[in-house]
């Protein structure tokens, strides 16, 4: 059996409501059926895989959604396990953020995260919360490294809107 045939069958087997129709695939979705060519189905599979399992690089940290569902935060340009923290999934990482007070430093993150979070990993997590767009917080101090959640997200100004003068 050719590799393309095996890949096609695995795509069909893994897709809920997918049916092989010879020259393409029919997906059964809640809002109806969609017929896709093999090329379109392959692109969709690749895009979904990239969205669910992939790396995202920030200024000082990197996030990785792994195929097993876990979420790993690591220091950018570091390749040892000592510079990363693995969570069961992204939701577990979000729950850690929700447990944090409005203003938090590395010690508070370490206390909230529990065992397995050393001093360098604590700082890594503070930086990652500040860098990742899913978390509405920003660094407010470097010594000690401290982040603060924003209570209300401010509306960004339109490019044409004039800022008031002080």
C-alpha atoms as a PDB file:
ATOM      1  CA  UNK A   1       0.000   0.000   0.000  1.00  0.00           C
ATOM      2  CA  UNK A   2       1.340   3.443  -0.921  1.00  0.00           C
ATOM      3  CA  UNK A   3       2.037   6.092   1.712  1.00  0.00           C
ATOM      4  CA  UNK A   4      -0.577   8.444   0.213  1.00  0.00           C
ATOM      5  CA  UNK A   5      -3.270   5.769   0.510  1.00  0.00           C
ATOM      6  CA  UNK A   6      -2.374   5.060   4.125  1.00  0.00           C
ATOM      7  CA  UNK A   7      -2.414   8.782   4.925  1.00  0.00           C
ATOM      8  CA  UNK A   8      -5.799   9.196   3.193  1.00  0.00           C
ATOM      9  CA  UNK A   9      -7.317   6.329   5.150  1.00  0.00           C
ATOM     10  CA  UNK A  10      -5.932   7.664   8.448  1.00  0.00           C
ATOM     11  CA  UNK A  11      -7.442  11.082   7.681  1.00  0.00           C
ATOM     12  CA  UNK A  12     -10.808   9.426   7.099  1.00  0.00           C
ATOM     13  CA  UNK A  13     -10.521   7.208  10.183  1.00  0.00           C
ATOM     14  CA  UNK A  14      -9.560  10.109  12.454  1.00  0.00           C
ATOM     15  CA  UNK A  15     -12.206  12.517  11.177  1.00  0.00           C
ATOM     16  CA  UNK A  16     -15.595  12.301  12.824  1.00  0.00           C
ATOM     17  CA  UNK A  17     -18.283  12.133  10.189  1.00  0.00           C
ATOM     18  CA  UNK A  18     -15.877  11.839   7.232  1.00  0.00           C
ATOM     19  CA  UNK A  19     -16.669   9.615   4.280  1.00  0.00           C
ATOM     20  CA  UNK A  20     -14.342   8.673   1.435  1.00  0.00           C
ATOM     21  CA  UNK A  21     -16.164   9.266  -1.850  1.00  0.00           C
ATOM     22  CA  UNK A  22     -13.450   8.297  -4.314  1.00  0.00           C
ATOM     23  CA  UNK A  23     -12.338  11.670  -5.630  1.00  0.00           C
ATOM     24  CA  UNK A  24     -12.699  13.479  -2.322  1.00  0.00           C
ATOM     25  CA  UNK A  25     -14.070  13.511   1.190  1.00  0.00           C
ATOM     26  CA  UNK A  26     -17.485  14.433   2.548  1.00  0.00           C
ATOM     27  CA  UNK A  27     -17.477  15.839   6.079  1.00  0.00           C
ATOM     28  CA  UNK A  28     -20.684  15.718   8.104  1.00  0.00           C
ATOM     29  CA  UNK A  29     -20.786  18.840  10.272  1.00  0.00           C
ATOM     30  CA  UNK A  30     -23.514  20.164  12.594  1.00  0.00           C
ATOM     31  CA  UNK A  31     -24.533  22.753   9.996  1.00  0.00           C
ATOM     32  CA  UNK A  32     -24.524  20.346   7.035  1.00  0.00           C
ATOM     33  CA  UNK A  33     -22.202  18.399   4.816  1.00  0.00           C
ATOM     34  CA  UNK A  34     -19.106  19.732   3.099  1.00  0.00           C
ATOM     35  CA  UNK A  35     -17.449  18.052   0.140  1.00  0.00           C
ATOM     36  CA  UNK A  36     -13.698  18.554  -0.110  1.00  0.00           C
ATOM     37  CA  UNK A  37     -11.228  17.539  -2.736  1.00  0.00           C
ATOM     38  CA  UNK A  38      -8.334  15.419  -1.527  1.00  0.00           C
ATOM     39  CA  UNK A  39      -6.035  18.430  -1.807  1.00  0.00           C
ATOM     40  CA  UNK A  40      -8.412  20.621   0.237  1.00  0.00           C
ATOM     41  CA  UNK A  41      -8.875  17.859   2.834  1.00  0.00           C
ATOM     42  CA  UNK A  42      -5.103  17.490   3.116  1.00  0.00           C
ATOM     43  CA  UNK A  43      -4.667  21.263   3.570  1.00  0.00           C
ATOM     44  CA  UNK A  44      -7.424  21.295   6.213  1.00  0.00           C
ATOM     45  CA  UNK A  45      -5.777  18.402   8.068  1.00  0.00           C
ATOM     46  CA  UNK A  46      -2.403  20.155   7.988  1.00  0.00           C
ATOM     47  CA  UNK A  47      -3.911  23.437   9.215  1.00  0.00           C
ATOM     48  CA  UNK A  48      -5.744  21.684  12.051  1.00  0.00           C
ATOM     49  CA  UNK A  49      -2.607  19.796  13.043  1.00  0.00           C
ATOM     50  CA  UNK A  50      -0.612  23.034  13.045  1.00  0.00           C
ATOM     51  CA  UNK A  51      -3.277  24.740  15.165  1.00  0.00           C
ATOM     52  CA  UNK A  52      -3.501  21.883  17.651  1.00  0.00           C
ATOM     53  CA  UNK A  53       0.143  20.832  17.743  1.00  0.00           C
ATOM     54  CA  UNK A  54       2.683  23.500  17.061  1.00  0.00           C
ATOM     55  CA  UNK A  55       5.233  25.936  18.398  1.00  0.00           C
ATOM     56  CA  UNK A  56       4.772  29.635  18.902  1.00  0.00           C
ATOM     57  CA  UNK A  57       7.743  31.859  19.591  1.00  0.00           C
ATOM     58  CA  UNK A  58       7.516  34.999  21.683  1.00  0.00           C
ATOM     59  CA  UNK A  59      10.200  37.486  22.758  1.00  0.00           C
ATOM     60  CA  UNK A  60      11.727  35.420  25.571  1.00  0.00           C
ATOM     61  CA  UNK A  61       9.538  32.310  25.720  1.00  0.00           C
ATOM     62  CA  UNK A  62       8.203  29.598  23.427  1.00  0.00           C
ATOM     63  CA  UNK A  63       4.967  27.660  23.727  1.00  0.00           C
ATOM     64  CA  UNK A  64       4.350  24.244  22.262  1.00  0.00           C
ATOM     65  CA  UNK A  65       1.062  22.413  21.923  1.00  0.00           C
ATOM     66  CA  UNK A  66       2.138  18.782  21.576  1.00  0.00           C
ATOM     67  CA  UNK A  67       0.245  16.022  19.792  1.00  0.00           C
ATOM     68  CA  UNK A  68      -0.387  14.266  23.126  1.00  0.00           C
ATOM     69  CA  UNK A  69      -2.357  17.355  24.222  1.00  0.00           C
ATOM     70  CA  UNK A  70       0.257  18.679  26.623  1.00  0.00           C
ATOM     71  CA  UNK A  71       1.358  22.312  26.702  1.00  0.00           C
ATOM     72  CA  UNK A  72       5.030  23.144  27.203  1.00  0.00           C
ATOM     73  CA  UNK A  73       6.478  26.539  28.054  1.00  0.00           C
ATOM     74  CA  UNK A  74      10.208  26.930  27.474  1.00  0.00           C
ATOM     75  CA  UNK A  75      12.851  29.602  27.478  1.00  0.00           C
ATOM     76  CA  UNK A  76      13.636  30.821  23.981  1.00  0.00           C
ATOM     77  CA  UNK A  77      16.982  29.565  22.634  1.00  0.00           C
ATOM     78  CA  UNK A  78      17.384  27.039  25.469  1.00  0.00           C
ATOM     79  CA  UNK A  79      17.445  23.346  24.726  1.00  0.00           C
ATOM     80  CA  UNK A  80      17.578  21.659  28.127  1.00  0.00           C
ATOM     81  CA  UNK A  81      14.614  20.374  30.114  1.00  0.00           C
ATOM     82  CA  UNK A  82      15.669  22.653  32.971  1.00  0.00           C
ATOM     83  CA  UNK A  83      14.382  25.606  30.983  1.00  0.00           C
ATOM     84  CA  UNK A  84      10.868  24.309  30.391  1.00  0.00           C
ATOM     85  CA  UNK A  85       7.675  23.437  32.226  1.00  0.00           C
ATOM     86  CA  UNK A  86       5.160  20.926  30.909  1.00  0.00           C
ATOM     87  CA  UNK A  87       1.435  21.131  31.693  1.00  0.00           C
ATOM     88  CA  UNK A  88      -1.150  18.419  31.061  1.00  0.00           C
ATOM     89  CA  UNK A  89      -2.859  20.753  28.583  1.00  0.00           C
ATOM     90  CA  UNK A  90      -3.343  24.444  27.892  1.00  0.00           C
ATOM     91  CA  UNK A  91      -6.404  24.492  30.148  1.00  0.00           C
ATOM     92  CA  UNK A  92      -4.196  23.491  33.120  1.00  0.00           C
ATOM     93  CA  UNK A  93      -1.951  26.457  32.322  1.00  0.00           C
ATOM     94  CA  UNK A  94      -5.014  28.744  32.181  1.00  0.00           C
ATOM     95  CA  UNK A  95      -6.191  27.437  35.567  1.00  0.00           C
ATOM     96  CA  UNK A  96      -2.807  28.333  37.063  1.00  0.00           C
ATOM     97  CA  UNK A  97      -3.228  31.897  35.768  1.00  0.00           C
ATOM     98  CA  UNK A  98      -6.737  32.116  37.228  1.00  0.00           C
ATOM     99  CA  UNK A  99      -5.407  31.128  40.671  1.00  0.00           C
ATOM    100  CA  UNK A 100      -2.936  34.012  40.658  1.00  0.00           C
ATOM    101  CA  UNK A 101      -3.766  37.339  42.339  1.00  0.00           C
ATOM    102  CA  UNK A 102      -4.036  40.568  40.333  1.00  0.00           C
ATOM    103  CA  UNK A 103      -0.340  41.282  40.935  1.00  0.00           C
ATOM    104  CA  UNK A 104       2.090  38.366  41.094  1.00  0.00           C
ATOM    105  CA  UNK A 105       5.784  37.627  41.076  1.00  0.00           C
ATOM    106  CA  UNK A 106       7.801  34.457  40.551  1.00  0.00           C
ATOM    107  CA  UNK A 107       7.405  33.329  44.174  1.00  0.00           C
ATOM    108  CA  UNK A 108       3.611  33.584  43.973  1.00  0.00           C
ATOM    109  CA  UNK A 109       3.598  31.616  40.686  1.00  0.00           C
ATOM    110  CA  UNK A 110       5.768  28.938  42.294  1.00  0.00           C
ATOM    111  CA  UNK A 111       3.448  28.643  45.286  1.00  0.00           C
ATOM    112  CA  UNK A 112       0.386  28.400  43.028  1.00  0.00           C
ATOM    113  CA  UNK A 113       2.005  25.870  40.672  1.00  0.00           C
ATOM    114  CA  UNK A 114       3.217  23.532  43.402  1.00  0.00           C
ATOM    115  CA  UNK A 115       6.064  21.034  43.110  1.00  0.00           C
ATOM    116  CA  UNK A 116       8.400  20.934  40.157  1.00  0.00           C
ATOM    117  CA  UNK A 117       8.606  24.661  39.574  1.00  0.00           C
ATOM    118  CA  UNK A 118      12.102  25.881  40.414  1.00  0.00           C
ATOM    119  CA  UNK A 119      13.190  29.511  40.593  1.00  0.00           C
ATOM    120  CA  UNK A 120      14.114  29.755  36.904  1.00  0.00           C
ATOM    121  CA  UNK A 121      10.890  28.064  35.830  1.00  0.00           C
ATOM    122  CA  UNK A 122       8.873  30.429  38.016  1.00  0.00           C
ATOM    123  CA  UNK A 123      10.395  33.401  36.216  1.00  0.00           C
ATOM    124  CA  UNK A 124       9.794  31.681  32.874  1.00  0.00           C
ATOM    125  CA  UNK A 125       6.074  31.332  33.645  1.00  0.00           C
ATOM    126  CA  UNK A 126       5.747  34.973  34.723  1.00  0.00           C
ATOM    127  CA  UNK A 127       7.322  36.073  31.430  1.00  0.00           C
ATOM    128  CA  UNK A 128       5.144  33.699  29.412  1.00  0.00           C
ATOM    129  CA  UNK A 129       1.929  34.963  31.010  1.00  0.00           C
ATOM    130  CA  UNK A 130       2.985  38.509  30.084  1.00  0.00           C
ATOM    131  CA  UNK A 131       3.938  37.569  26.503  1.00  0.00           C
ATOM    132  CA  UNK A 132       1.052  35.269  25.557  1.00  0.00           C
ATOM    133  CA  UNK A 133      -1.973  37.126  24.133  1.00  0.00           C
ATOM    134  CA  UNK A 134      -4.449  34.817  25.897  1.00  0.00           C
ATOM    135  CA  UNK A 135      -3.478  36.356  29.245  1.00  0.00           C
ATOM    136  CA  UNK A 136      -4.353  39.956  29.935  1.00  0.00           C
ATOM    137  CA  UNK A 137      -1.351  40.985  31.993  1.00  0.00           C
ATOM    138  CA  UNK A 138       1.938  42.817  31.651  1.00  0.00           C
ATOM    139  CA  UNK A 139       5.282  43.022  33.389  1.00  0.00           C
ATOM    140  CA  UNK A 140       5.361  45.898  35.844  1.00  0.00           C
ATOM    141  CA  UNK A 141       8.779  45.320  37.475  1.00  0.00           C
ATOM    142  CA  UNK A 142      12.022  43.520  36.716  1.00  0.00           C
ATOM    143  CA  UNK A 143      13.381  43.315  40.304  1.00  0.00           C
ATOM    144  CA  UNK A 144      11.635  41.277  41.496  1.00  0.00           C
ATOM    145  CA  UNK A 145      10.082  40.105  38.224  1.00  0.00           C
ATOM    146  CA  UNK A 146       6.421  41.026  38.655  1.00  0.00           C
ATOM    147  CA  UNK A 147       3.370  40.974  36.422  1.00  0.00           C
ATOM    148  CA  UNK A 148      -0.017  42.548  36.895  1.00  0.00           C
ATOM    149  CA  UNK A 149      -3.350  41.476  35.456  1.00  0.00           C
ATOM    150  CA  UNK A 150      -5.368  44.191  33.801  1.00  0.00           C
ATOM    151  CA  UNK A 151      -8.776  44.526  35.428  1.00  0.00           C
ATOM    152  CA  UNK A 152     -10.408  45.984  32.328  1.00  0.00           C
ATOM    153  CA  UNK A 153      -8.890  45.722  28.892  1.00  0.00           C
ATOM    154  CA  UNK A 154      -8.709  49.150  27.346  1.00  0.00           C
ATOM    155  CA  UNK A 155     -10.049  49.681  23.854  1.00  0.00           C
ATOM    156  CA  UNK A 156      -7.190  50.206  21.388  1.00  0.00           C
ATOM    157  CA  UNK A 157      -7.268  53.545  19.630  1.00  0.00           C
ATOM    158  CA  UNK A 158      -7.992  53.621  15.953  1.00  0.00           C
ATOM    159  CA  UNK A 159      -5.079  54.897  13.894  1.00  0.00           C
ATOM    160  CA  UNK A 160      -7.061  57.985  12.931  1.00  0.00           C
ATOM    161  CA  UNK A 161      -8.173  58.772  16.488  1.00  0.00           C
ATOM    162  CA  UNK A 162      -6.255  61.618  18.102  1.00  0.00           C
ATOM    163  CA  UNK A 163      -4.836  61.041  21.566  1.00  0.00           C
ATOM    164  CA  UNK A 164      -5.753  63.716  24.114  1.00  0.00           C
ATOM    165  CA  UNK A 165      -2.910  65.996  25.130  1.00  0.00           C
ATOM    166  CA  UNK A 166      -1.955  66.189  28.798  1.00  0.00           C
END
